Protein backbone atom coordinates (compact mmCIF):
# COMPACT_ATOMS: atom_id res chain seq x y z
CA MET A 1 53.54 -58.57 230.67
CA GLY A 2 49.79 -58.75 230.42
CA ARG A 3 49.82 -61.12 227.45
CA LYS A 4 47.76 -64.30 227.67
CA LEU A 5 49.35 -67.61 226.82
CA ASP A 6 47.47 -70.06 224.60
CA LEU A 7 48.25 -73.41 226.19
CA SER A 8 45.47 -75.31 224.39
CA GLY A 9 47.89 -77.19 222.14
CA LEU A 10 49.90 -78.57 225.05
CA THR A 11 49.39 -81.62 227.18
CA ASP A 12 48.43 -81.09 230.80
CA ASP A 13 51.98 -81.86 231.94
CA GLU A 14 53.48 -79.41 229.43
CA ALA A 15 51.01 -76.68 230.38
CA GLU A 16 51.75 -77.24 234.07
CA HIS A 17 55.49 -77.02 233.38
CA VAL A 18 55.05 -73.76 231.43
CA LEU A 19 52.93 -72.35 234.25
CA LYS A 20 55.61 -73.22 236.83
CA VAL A 21 58.30 -71.54 234.72
CA VAL A 22 56.21 -68.36 234.36
CA GLN A 23 55.46 -68.31 238.11
CA ARG A 24 59.15 -68.76 238.92
CA ASP A 25 60.02 -65.92 236.54
CA MET A 26 57.47 -63.65 238.24
CA LYS A 27 58.93 -64.47 241.68
CA LEU A 28 62.48 -63.75 240.47
CA ARG A 29 61.42 -60.44 238.91
CA LYS A 30 59.70 -59.40 242.14
CA LYS A 31 62.75 -60.39 244.18
CA GLU A 32 65.01 -58.37 241.86
CA GLU A 33 62.73 -55.34 242.10
CA GLU A 34 62.86 -55.57 245.91
CA ARG A 35 66.66 -55.89 245.86
CA LEU A 36 67.01 -52.83 243.61
CA SER A 37 64.58 -50.87 245.75
CA GLU A 38 66.60 -51.69 248.88
CA MET A 39 69.82 -50.70 247.11
CA LYS A 40 68.33 -47.36 246.03
CA GLN A 41 67.17 -46.72 249.61
CA GLU A 42 70.66 -47.49 250.98
CA LEU A 43 72.28 -45.17 248.45
CA THR A 44 69.81 -42.40 249.27
CA GLU A 45 70.53 -42.76 252.99
CA GLU A 46 74.28 -42.80 252.33
CA GLY A 47 73.97 -39.64 250.24
CA SER A 48 72.05 -37.87 253.01
CA ARG A 49 74.62 -38.87 255.62
CA CYS A 50 77.49 -37.67 253.44
CA SER A 51 75.72 -34.40 252.76
CA ILE A 52 75.37 -33.75 256.49
CA LEU A 53 78.99 -34.67 257.24
CA SER A 54 80.34 -32.58 254.37
CA LYS A 55 78.71 -29.49 255.88
CA GLN A 56 80.80 -29.88 259.02
CA HIS A 57 83.77 -27.54 258.85
CA ARG A 58 86.48 -29.31 256.78
CA PHE A 59 85.38 -32.77 257.98
CA ASN A 60 86.17 -34.42 254.68
CA GLU A 61 89.64 -32.90 254.56
CA HIS A 62 90.61 -34.93 257.61
CA CYS A 63 88.31 -37.98 257.60
CA CYS A 64 86.79 -40.43 255.13
CA ILE A 65 83.25 -39.42 254.23
CA ARG A 66 82.13 -43.07 254.13
CA CYS A 67 83.60 -44.61 257.31
CA CYS A 68 84.82 -41.49 259.20
CA VAL A 69 88.34 -42.89 259.68
CA PRO A 70 90.99 -40.14 259.86
CA PHE A 71 93.42 -39.84 256.95
CA THR A 72 97.13 -40.34 257.52
CA PHE A 73 99.86 -39.52 255.06
CA LEU A 74 101.45 -42.97 254.71
CA PHE A 75 99.01 -45.55 256.01
CA ASN A 76 95.63 -44.18 255.00
CA PRO A 77 95.94 -41.44 252.38
CA LYS A 78 92.84 -39.74 251.05
CA ARG A 79 91.62 -40.41 247.54
CA GLN A 80 89.00 -38.35 245.74
CA CYS A 81 86.05 -40.21 244.22
CA LEU A 82 85.56 -39.45 240.53
CA ASP A 83 81.76 -39.31 240.77
CA CYS A 84 80.85 -37.67 244.10
CA GLN A 85 84.13 -35.76 244.57
CA TYR A 86 84.31 -36.69 248.29
CA ASN A 87 87.59 -37.82 249.85
CA VAL A 88 87.60 -41.48 250.86
CA CYS A 89 90.08 -43.86 252.46
CA LYS A 90 91.69 -46.87 250.79
CA THR A 91 89.19 -49.33 252.28
CA CYS A 92 86.17 -47.38 251.01
CA CYS A 93 87.20 -47.13 247.36
CA THR A 94 88.41 -49.11 244.37
CA TYR A 95 90.36 -48.07 241.31
CA SER A 96 88.42 -48.04 238.04
CA LYS A 97 90.75 -49.03 235.22
CA ARG A 98 88.18 -47.92 232.65
CA ASP A 99 87.97 -44.41 234.10
CA ARG A 100 91.53 -44.34 235.44
CA ALA A 101 90.24 -42.93 238.70
CA TRP A 102 89.09 -43.88 242.20
CA LEU A 103 85.43 -44.65 242.95
CA CYS A 104 83.99 -44.80 246.45
CA SER A 105 81.95 -47.86 247.39
CA ALA A 106 78.63 -45.98 247.21
CA CYS A 107 79.27 -44.57 243.73
CA GLN A 108 80.49 -47.95 242.53
CA LYS A 109 77.24 -49.58 243.74
CA GLY A 110 75.25 -46.82 242.06
CA ARG A 111 77.00 -47.43 238.76
CA LYS A 112 76.35 -51.18 238.47
CA PRO A 113 72.63 -51.07 237.60
CA LYS A 114 73.27 -48.24 235.14
CA ASP A 115 76.14 -50.12 233.46
CA LYS A 116 73.98 -53.23 233.00
CA ARG A 117 71.23 -51.18 231.36
CA ARG A 118 73.75 -49.67 228.95
CA ARG A 119 74.80 -53.13 227.85
CA GLY A 120 71.20 -54.25 227.37
CA VAL A 121 71.18 -56.64 230.36
CA LYS A 122 68.00 -56.62 232.44
């Protein structure tokens, strides 16, 4: 950013159209920054909550670290998240075919912005 546009060769209508496009782009970038900031805040809060719960004596052996639902052998078995290593229930995780492992919802959200940057998407 910070570059000045030379609109002197354009008609008034064309210059106005360019200005509207640039303004819309700036609004979208600001909105995306706010969305990412909110997501980072949520993930930070989730990490703090999990850290507190994990310090409780064997809490995560018996309950999902994300939703606190107790594990049961047949109906709600525990699955270990590849990234954070916490045990989570079936509703709080998804299977990553690429990694061939389970990912909890928080770690999956945390991966998405990083994955996009790796592929060159902004």
